[in-house]
Amino acid sequence: MSDHHQFLSTRQAAQVLGVSVRTIQLWVEQGLLHAWKTPGGHRRIDQQSLLSLLQQKQQEIPLLNLVALSQEPDFAVHLRQLLSQWQMPVEVSAPENAVQALLMAGNSKAELMLLHQLPEDMHIGLLIQELQKHNCQLVLCSDPDQAKLYQLPFQAYPFEPKVLRSWLQQTLLQKVRQKIQ
């Protein structure tokens, strides 16, 4: 079974959403969450359904903070447009340079940095080290060979919307799973 169709117990879903088990049960009965019952009568909540509800309930509160670093101004604009279209609870910061990006990663507790066009005066190894200090994952959007060399995730730019959306959904689901552990 694919990752985005895994299930949570009612208690786990309640923990993620910060509500009572009874509230989750009521939301299932109202159709706000998709679930099925085990032979023993226990509900199992679809993680994708939970993510959709989080997106609806937390439009103003991002579930993920992302820094988009590029010398190309359309990079962050395009990313924001896609996220808005998909109604994903992701906040995007667009620093002007790598120093600002590192400050944002530290101050805003950004979990991801999408990097397009590494600044000439910055070494990628040092950038990775600094981001690791802040628990921020680097994702390259320019050079797949460099991504392989440093064992980093890669997203093509210009963005491939279906691929990017699927990857971001998986990233959000991982964050949800971390909340329940």
C-alpha atoms as a PDB file:
ATOM      1  CA  MET A   1       0.000   0.000   0.000  1.00  0.00           C
ATOM      2  CA  SER A   2       1.410   3.446  -0.864  1.00  0.00           C
ATOM      3  CA  ASP A   3       2.431   5.825   1.903  1.00  0.00           C
ATOM      4  CA  HIS A   4      -0.263   8.402   1.265  1.00  0.00           C
ATOM      5  CA  HIS A   5      -3.017   5.835   1.888  1.00  0.00           C
ATOM      6  CA  GLN A   6      -1.847   4.600   5.278  1.00  0.00           C
ATOM      7  CA  PHE A   7      -4.162   4.792   8.243  1.00  0.00           C
ATOM      8  CA  LEU A   8      -4.099   6.194  11.778  1.00  0.00           C
ATOM      9  CA  SER A   9      -5.998   5.113  14.841  1.00  0.00           C
ATOM     10  CA  THR A  10      -8.658   7.457  16.163  1.00  0.00           C
ATOM     11  CA  ARG A  11      -6.385   8.307  19.102  1.00  0.00           C
ATOM     12  CA  GLN A  12      -3.447   9.130  16.783  1.00  0.00           C
ATOM     13  CA  ALA A  13      -5.649  11.349  14.598  1.00  0.00           C
ATOM     14  CA  ALA A  14      -6.940  13.132  17.720  1.00  0.00           C
ATOM     15  CA  GLN A  15      -3.365  13.718  18.878  1.00  0.00           C
ATOM     16  CA  VAL A  16      -2.338  15.204  15.507  1.00  0.00           C
ATOM     17  CA  LEU A  17      -5.343  17.530  15.371  1.00  0.00           C
ATOM     18  CA  GLY A  18      -5.291  18.382  19.073  1.00  0.00           C
ATOM     19  CA  VAL A  19      -8.893  17.292  19.666  1.00  0.00           C
ATOM     20  CA  SER A  20     -10.614  14.535  21.616  1.00  0.00           C
ATOM     21  CA  VAL A  21     -11.155  11.004  20.334  1.00  0.00           C
ATOM     22  CA  ARG A  22     -14.911  11.678  20.408  1.00  0.00           C
ATOM     23  CA  THR A  23     -14.434  14.701  18.115  1.00  0.00           C
ATOM     24  CA  ILE A  24     -12.619  12.491  15.595  1.00  0.00           C
ATOM     25  CA  GLN A  25     -15.458   9.958  15.782  1.00  0.00           C
ATOM     26  CA  LEU A  26     -18.001  12.709  15.135  1.00  0.00           C
ATOM     27  CA  TRP A  27     -15.979  14.090  12.226  1.00  0.00           C
ATOM     28  CA  VAL A  28     -15.901  10.600  10.695  1.00  0.00           C
ATOM     29  CA  GLU A  29     -19.674  10.314  11.092  1.00  0.00           C
ATOM     30  CA  GLN A  30     -20.108  13.786   9.513  1.00  0.00           C
ATOM     31  CA  GLY A  31     -17.880  12.821   6.580  1.00  0.00           C
ATOM     32  CA  LEU A  32     -15.121  15.310   7.394  1.00  0.00           C
ATOM     33  CA  LEU A  33     -12.641  12.443   7.728  1.00  0.00           C
ATOM     34  CA  HIS A  34     -12.566   9.243   5.689  1.00  0.00           C
ATOM     35  CA  ALA A  35     -12.242   6.074   7.750  1.00  0.00           C
ATOM     36  CA  TRP A  36     -13.052   2.370   7.857  1.00  0.00           C
ATOM     37  CA  LYS A  37     -13.670   0.017  10.743  1.00  0.00           C
ATOM     38  CA  THR A  38     -11.589  -2.997  11.656  1.00  0.00           C
ATOM     39  CA  PRO A  39     -13.347  -6.325  12.356  1.00  0.00           C
ATOM     40  CA  GLY A  40     -13.079  -5.366  16.046  1.00  0.00           C
ATOM     41  CA  GLY A  41     -14.980  -2.104  15.431  1.00  0.00           C
ATOM     42  CA  HIS A  42     -12.018   0.292  15.674  1.00  0.00           C
ATOM     43  CA  ARG A  43     -11.871   3.196  13.234  1.00  0.00           C
ATOM     44  CA  ARG A  44      -8.844   3.729  10.994  1.00  0.00           C
ATOM     45  CA  ILE A  45      -8.463   7.250   9.627  1.00  0.00           C
ATOM     46  CA  ASP A  46      -7.005   7.773   6.143  1.00  0.00           C
ATOM     47  CA  GLN A  47      -3.861   9.962   6.432  1.00  0.00           C
ATOM     48  CA  GLN A  48      -4.664  11.795   3.198  1.00  0.00           C
ATOM     49  CA  SER A  49      -8.091  12.660   4.608  1.00  0.00           C
ATOM     50  CA  LEU A  50      -6.438  13.942   7.780  1.00  0.00           C
ATOM     51  CA  LEU A  51      -4.053  16.092   5.738  1.00  0.00           C
ATOM     52  CA  SER A  52      -6.979  17.548   3.772  1.00  0.00           C
ATOM     53  CA  LEU A  53      -8.771  18.439   6.999  1.00  0.00           C
ATOM     54  CA  LEU A  54      -5.591  20.026   8.359  1.00  0.00           C
ATOM     55  CA  GLN A  55      -5.382  22.124   5.200  1.00  0.00           C
ATOM     56  CA  GLN A  56      -8.967  23.316   5.630  1.00  0.00           C
ATOM     57  CA  LYS A  57      -8.722  23.975   9.367  1.00  0.00           C
ATOM     58  CA  GLN A  58      -5.269  25.576   9.326  1.00  0.00           C
ATOM     59  CA  GLN A  59      -5.306  27.798   6.251  1.00  0.00           C
ATOM     60  CA  GLU A  60      -3.797  30.645   8.265  1.00  0.00           C
ATOM     61  CA  ILE A  61      -1.368  28.428  10.206  1.00  0.00           C
ATOM     62  CA  PRO A  62       1.238  26.781   7.998  1.00  0.00           C
ATOM     63  CA  LEU A  63       2.057  23.153   8.648  1.00  0.00           C
ATOM     64  CA  LEU A  64       5.411  23.549   6.904  1.00  0.00           C
ATOM     65  CA  ASN A  65       7.808  26.505   6.620  1.00  0.00           C
ATOM     66  CA  LEU A  66       9.852  26.581   3.450  1.00  0.00           C
ATOM     67  CA  VAL A  67      12.640  28.908   2.291  1.00  0.00           C
ATOM     68  CA  ALA A  68      12.939  29.375  -1.483  1.00  0.00           C
ATOM     69  CA  LEU A  69      16.420  30.625  -2.387  1.00  0.00           C
ATOM     70  CA  SER A  70      17.072  31.693  -5.945  1.00  0.00           C
ATOM     71  CA  GLN A  71      18.517  34.606  -7.858  1.00  0.00           C
ATOM     72  CA  GLU A  72      15.514  34.268 -10.159  1.00  0.00           C
ATOM     73  CA  PRO A  73      12.531  36.209  -8.704  1.00  0.00           C
ATOM     74  CA  ASP A  74       9.950  34.022 -10.479  1.00  0.00           C
ATOM     75  CA  PHE A  75      11.132  30.958  -8.538  1.00  0.00           C
ATOM     76  CA  ALA A  76       9.333  31.866  -5.285  1.00  0.00           C
ATOM     77  CA  VAL A  77       6.409  33.479  -7.115  1.00  0.00           C
ATOM     78  CA  HIS A  78       5.762  30.320  -9.126  1.00  0.00           C
ATOM     79  CA  LEU A  79       6.091  28.156  -6.022  1.00  0.00           C
ATOM     80  CA  ARG A  80       3.611  30.321  -4.087  1.00  0.00           C
ATOM     81  CA  GLN A  81       1.127  30.201  -6.964  1.00  0.00           C
ATOM     82  CA  LEU A  82       1.222  26.406  -7.058  1.00  0.00           C
ATOM     83  CA  LEU A  83       0.870  26.083  -3.278  1.00  0.00           C
ATOM     84  CA  SER A  84      -2.044  28.503  -3.267  1.00  0.00           C
ATOM     85  CA  GLN A  85      -3.725  26.614  -6.110  1.00  0.00           C
ATOM     86  CA  TRP A  86      -3.304  23.337  -4.190  1.00  0.00           C
ATOM     87  CA  GLN A  87      -4.347  24.975  -0.891  1.00  0.00           C
ATOM     88  CA  MET A  88      -1.372  23.500   0.913  1.00  0.00           C
ATOM     89  CA  PRO A  89      -0.577  24.788   4.418  1.00  0.00           C
ATOM     90  CA  VAL A  90       2.971  25.805   3.495  1.00  0.00           C
ATOM     91  CA  GLU A  91       4.520  29.202   4.152  1.00  0.00           C
ATOM     92  CA  VAL A  92       7.174  30.315   1.667  1.00  0.00           C
ATOM     93  CA  SER A  93       9.898  32.821   2.527  1.00  0.00           C
ATOM     94  CA  ALA A  94      12.011  34.239  -0.287  1.00  0.00           C
ATOM     95  CA  PRO A  95      15.317  35.703   0.943  1.00  0.00           C
ATOM     96  CA  GLU A  96      17.448  37.917  -1.266  1.00  0.00           C
ATOM     97  CA  ASN A  97      20.689  36.058  -0.524  1.00  0.00           C
ATOM     98  CA  ALA A  98      22.163  33.025   1.219  1.00  0.00           C
ATOM     99  CA  VAL A  99      22.898  34.879   4.463  1.00  0.00           C
ATOM    100  CA  GLN A 100      19.256  35.962   4.743  1.00  0.00           C
ATOM    101  CA  ALA A 101      18.229  32.388   3.919  1.00  0.00           C
ATOM    102  CA  LEU A 102      20.278  31.004   6.809  1.00  0.00           C
ATOM    103  CA  LEU A 103      18.843  33.616   9.168  1.00  0.00           C
ATOM    104  CA  MET A 104      15.332  32.705   8.038  1.00  0.00           C
ATOM    105  CA  ALA A 105      16.057  29.017   8.530  1.00  0.00           C
ATOM    106  CA  GLY A 106      17.148  29.725  12.095  1.00  0.00           C
ATOM    107  CA  ASN A 107      14.513  32.312  13.014  1.00  0.00           C
ATOM    108  CA  SER A 108      11.418  30.867  11.377  1.00  0.00           C
ATOM    109  CA  LYS A 109      12.276  27.261  12.100  1.00  0.00           C
ATOM    110  CA  ALA A 110      12.035  26.442   8.408  1.00  0.00           C
ATOM    111  CA  GLU A 111      12.002  22.716   7.743  1.00  0.00           C
ATOM    112  CA  LEU A 112      12.854  22.911   4.031  1.00  0.00           C
ATOM    113  CA  MET A 113      15.002  25.050   1.799  1.00  0.00           C
ATOM    114  CA  LEU A 114      14.514  24.797  -1.937  1.00  0.00           C
ATOM    115  CA  LEU A 115      17.709  25.997  -3.582  1.00  0.00           C
ATOM    116  CA  HIS A 116      17.847  27.094  -7.192  1.00  0.00           C
ATOM    117  CA  GLN A 117      21.162  28.534  -8.410  1.00  0.00           C
ATOM    118  CA  LEU A 118      23.673  28.269  -5.578  1.00  0.00           C
ATOM    119  CA  PRO A 119      25.292  31.686  -4.998  1.00  0.00           C
ATOM    120  CA  GLU A 120      28.860  31.732  -6.317  1.00  0.00           C
ATOM    121  CA  ASP A 121      30.300  32.808  -2.975  1.00  0.00           C
ATOM    122  CA  MET A 122      28.759  29.882  -1.065  1.00  0.00           C
ATOM    123  CA  HIS A 123      29.971  26.305  -0.778  1.00  0.00           C
ATOM    124  CA  ILE A 124      27.141  23.770  -0.754  1.00  0.00           C
ATOM    125  CA  GLY A 125      28.806  21.610   1.906  1.00  0.00           C
ATOM    126  CA  LEU A 126      28.897  24.545   4.335  1.00  0.00           C
ATOM    127  CA  LEU A 127      25.291  25.387   3.539  1.00  0.00           C
ATOM    128  CA  ILE A 128      24.241  21.803   4.296  1.00  0.00           C
ATOM    129  CA  GLN A 129      26.129  21.882   7.625  1.00  0.00           C
ATOM    130  CA  GLU A 130      24.487  25.127   8.703  1.00  0.00           C
ATOM    131  CA  LEU A 131      21.007  23.957   7.728  1.00  0.00           C
ATOM    132  CA  GLN A 132      21.475  20.698   9.625  1.00  0.00           C
ATOM    133  CA  LYS A 133      22.122  22.739  12.776  1.00  0.00           C
ATOM    134  CA  HIS A 134      18.594  24.134  12.354  1.00  0.00           C
ATOM    135  CA  ASN A 135      16.999  20.805  11.318  1.00  0.00           C
ATOM    136  CA  CYS A 136      16.314  22.241   7.885  1.00  0.00           C
ATOM    137  CA  GLN A 137      16.497  19.936   4.860  1.00  0.00           C
ATOM    138  CA  LEU A 138      18.040  21.219   1.641  1.00  0.00           C
ATOM    139  CA  VAL A 139      16.431  20.328  -1.682  1.00  0.00           C
ATOM    140  CA  LEU A 140      18.199  21.228  -4.919  1.00  0.00           C
ATOM    141  CA  CYS A 141      16.202  22.498  -7.875  1.00  0.00           C
ATOM    142  CA  SER A 142      19.010  23.033 -10.357  1.00  0.00           C
ATOM    143  CA  ASP A 143      21.626  20.302 -10.717  1.00  0.00           C
ATOM    144  CA  PRO A 144      20.626  16.628 -10.335  1.00  0.00           C
ATOM    145  CA  ASP A 145      24.284  15.537 -10.452  1.00  0.00           C
ATOM    146  CA  GLN A 146      25.149  17.818  -7.540  1.00  0.00           C
ATOM    147  CA  ALA A 147      22.095  16.507  -5.663  1.00  0.00           C
ATOM    148  CA  LYS A 148      23.346  12.937  -6.133  1.00  0.00           C
ATOM    149  CA  LEU A 149      26.875  13.893  -5.107  1.00  0.00           C
ATOM    150  CA  TYR A 150      25.663  15.371  -1.797  1.00  0.00           C
ATOM    151  CA  GLN A 151      22.837  12.816  -1.404  1.00  0.00           C
ATOM    152  CA  LEU A 152      20.188  15.542  -1.450  1.00  0.00           C
ATOM    153  CA  PRO A 153      16.611  15.416  -2.716  1.00  0.00           C
ATOM    154  CA  PHE A 154      16.074  16.968  -6.144  1.00  0.00           C
ATOM    155  CA  GLN A 155      13.093  18.753  -7.691  1.00  0.00           C
ATOM    156  CA  ALA A 156      13.235  19.917 -11.298  1.00  0.00           C
ATOM    157  CA  TYR A 157      12.815  23.600 -12.107  1.00  0.00           C
ATOM    158  CA  PRO A 158      10.737  24.760 -13.870  1.00  0.00           C
ATOM    159  CA  PHE A 159       8.591  22.779 -11.477  1.00  0.00           C
ATOM    160  CA  GLU A 160       6.801  19.674 -12.678  1.00  0.00           C
ATOM    161  CA  PRO A 161       3.492  20.333 -10.862  1.00  0.00           C
ATOM    162  CA  LYS A 162       2.358  16.710 -10.423  1.00  0.00           C
ATOM    163  CA  VAL A 163       5.758  15.602  -9.138  1.00  0.00           C
ATOM    164  CA  LEU A 164       6.172  18.616  -6.847  1.00  0.00           C
ATOM    165  CA  ARG A 165       2.641  18.275  -5.453  1.00  0.00           C
ATOM    166  CA  SER A 166       3.093  14.581  -4.716  1.00  0.00           C
ATOM    167  CA  TRP A 167       6.468  15.195  -3.063  1.00  0.00           C
ATOM    168  CA  LEU A 168       5.102  18.034  -0.904  1.00  0.00           C
ATOM    169  CA  GLN A 169       2.116  15.916   0.135  1.00  0.00           C
ATOM    170  CA  GLN A 170       4.498  13.174   1.224  1.00  0.00           C
ATOM    171  CA  THR A 171       6.596  15.729   3.117  1.00  0.00           C
ATOM    172  CA  LEU A 172       3.489  17.036   4.907  1.00  0.00           C
ATOM    173  CA  LEU A 173       2.374  13.496   5.742  1.00  0.00           C
ATOM    174  CA  GLN A 174       5.810  12.739   7.213  1.00  0.00           C
ATOM    175  CA  LYS A 175       5.438  15.805   9.401  1.00  0.00           C
ATOM    176  CA  VAL A 176       1.996  14.583  10.527  1.00  0.00           C
ATOM    177  CA  ARG A 177       3.486  11.158  11.331  1.00  0.00           C
ATOM    178  CA  GLN A 178       6.249  12.799  13.385  1.00  0.00           C
ATOM    179  CA  LYS A 179       3.610  14.593  15.452  1.00  0.00           C
ATOM    180  CA  ILE A 180       2.029  11.308  16.498  1.00  0.00           C
ATOM    181  CA  GLN A 181       5.257   9.551  17.449  1.00  0.00           C
END
